[in-house]
């Protein structure tokens, strides 16, 4: 069975997310949703793509434990290498 892949490019922009209402944290709801569909319900793969390595540190600061994500450092890939990675 193959799963859909959700790719969020420039995911480092999440680090500057400003909550319009602190009582309703939308960023946390988004992160919870992504965890839910990928790690809990196994419905999709989620890739947060960025050239900013600090995203991994930020994810742990906002409460995402390291069992919920994996860091992969990639360079320029050929089409064949990209297919193998997926």
Protein backbone atom coordinates (compact mmCIF):
# COMPACT_ATOMS: atom_id res chain seq x y z
CA UNK A 1 0.00 0.00 0.00
CA UNK A 2 1.35 3.41 -0.87
CA UNK A 3 0.54 6.49 1.13
CA UNK A 4 0.09 10.07 -0.06
CA UNK A 5 3.00 12.38 0.65
CA UNK A 6 2.39 15.87 2.00
CA UNK A 7 5.39 18.15 1.46
CA UNK A 8 5.56 21.53 3.15
CA UNK A 9 8.41 23.44 1.56
CA UNK A 10 10.02 26.37 3.36
CA UNK A 11 8.82 24.82 6.62
CA UNK A 12 11.19 27.17 8.46
CA UNK A 13 8.45 29.81 8.01
CA UNK A 14 6.53 27.95 10.72
CA UNK A 15 9.11 29.22 13.20
CA UNK A 16 7.83 32.79 12.76
CA UNK A 17 4.14 31.81 13.04
CA UNK A 18 2.22 34.38 15.08
CA UNK A 19 -0.88 33.10 16.84
CA UNK A 20 -3.84 35.45 16.30
CA UNK A 21 -5.47 34.14 19.49
CA UNK A 22 -3.17 32.61 22.14
CA UNK A 23 -6.20 30.80 23.60
CA UNK A 24 -6.61 28.86 20.33
CA UNK A 25 -3.11 27.76 19.27
CA UNK A 26 -3.53 27.03 15.56
CA UNK A 27 0.12 26.08 15.03
CA UNK A 28 -0.13 23.37 17.67
CA UNK A 29 -3.32 22.09 16.04
CA UNK A 30 -1.52 21.92 12.69
CA UNK A 31 1.42 20.01 14.20
CA UNK A 32 -0.96 17.67 16.04
CA UNK A 33 -2.82 17.03 12.77
CA UNK A 34 0.41 16.23 10.92
CA UNK A 35 1.47 13.84 13.69
CA UNK A 36 -1.99 12.28 13.72
CA UNK A 37 -2.13 11.49 10.01
CA UNK A 38 1.47 10.33 9.78
CA UNK A 39 2.54 8.66 13.02
CA UNK A 40 -0.73 7.67 14.68
CA UNK A 41 -3.21 6.81 11.91
CA UNK A 42 -0.57 5.97 9.27
CA UNK A 43 -2.57 7.69 6.53
CA UNK A 44 0.19 9.78 4.92
CA UNK A 45 3.83 10.70 4.98
CA UNK A 46 4.64 14.30 5.92
CA UNK A 47 7.84 16.05 4.89
CA UNK A 48 8.77 19.44 6.30
CA UNK A 49 11.39 20.65 3.84
CA UNK A 50 13.77 23.49 4.66
CA UNK A 51 17.35 24.57 4.23
CA UNK A 52 17.33 25.81 7.84
CA UNK A 53 18.75 23.13 10.13
CA UNK A 54 17.38 24.97 13.18
CA UNK A 55 13.89 23.70 12.35
CA UNK A 56 14.68 20.45 14.17
CA UNK A 57 15.62 22.37 17.33
CA UNK A 58 12.50 24.51 17.04
CA UNK A 59 10.28 21.44 16.70
CA UNK A 60 11.54 20.13 20.04
CA UNK A 61 11.03 23.59 21.59
CA UNK A 62 7.36 23.60 20.58
CA UNK A 63 6.89 20.22 22.20
CA UNK A 64 7.39 17.73 19.40
CA UNK A 65 9.37 14.83 20.79
CA UNK A 66 12.12 13.28 18.70
CA UNK A 67 10.17 10.05 18.28
CA UNK A 68 7.71 12.05 16.15
CA UNK A 69 10.18 13.21 13.49
CA UNK A 70 13.39 12.24 11.75
CA UNK A 71 15.98 14.61 10.33
CA UNK A 72 17.35 13.77 6.89
CA UNK A 73 20.05 16.00 5.45
CA UNK A 74 20.05 15.94 1.66
CA UNK A 75 21.99 17.63 -1.07
CA UNK A 76 20.99 17.93 -4.70
CA UNK A 77 19.45 14.64 -5.77
CA UNK A 78 19.07 13.12 -9.19
CA UNK A 79 15.57 11.96 -10.10
CA UNK A 80 16.62 8.37 -9.41
CA UNK A 81 18.04 9.25 -5.98
CA UNK A 82 14.88 11.17 -5.12
CA UNK A 83 12.72 8.18 -6.05
CA UNK A 84 14.83 5.92 -3.81
CA UNK A 85 14.54 8.42 -0.96
CA UNK A 86 10.74 8.46 -1.20
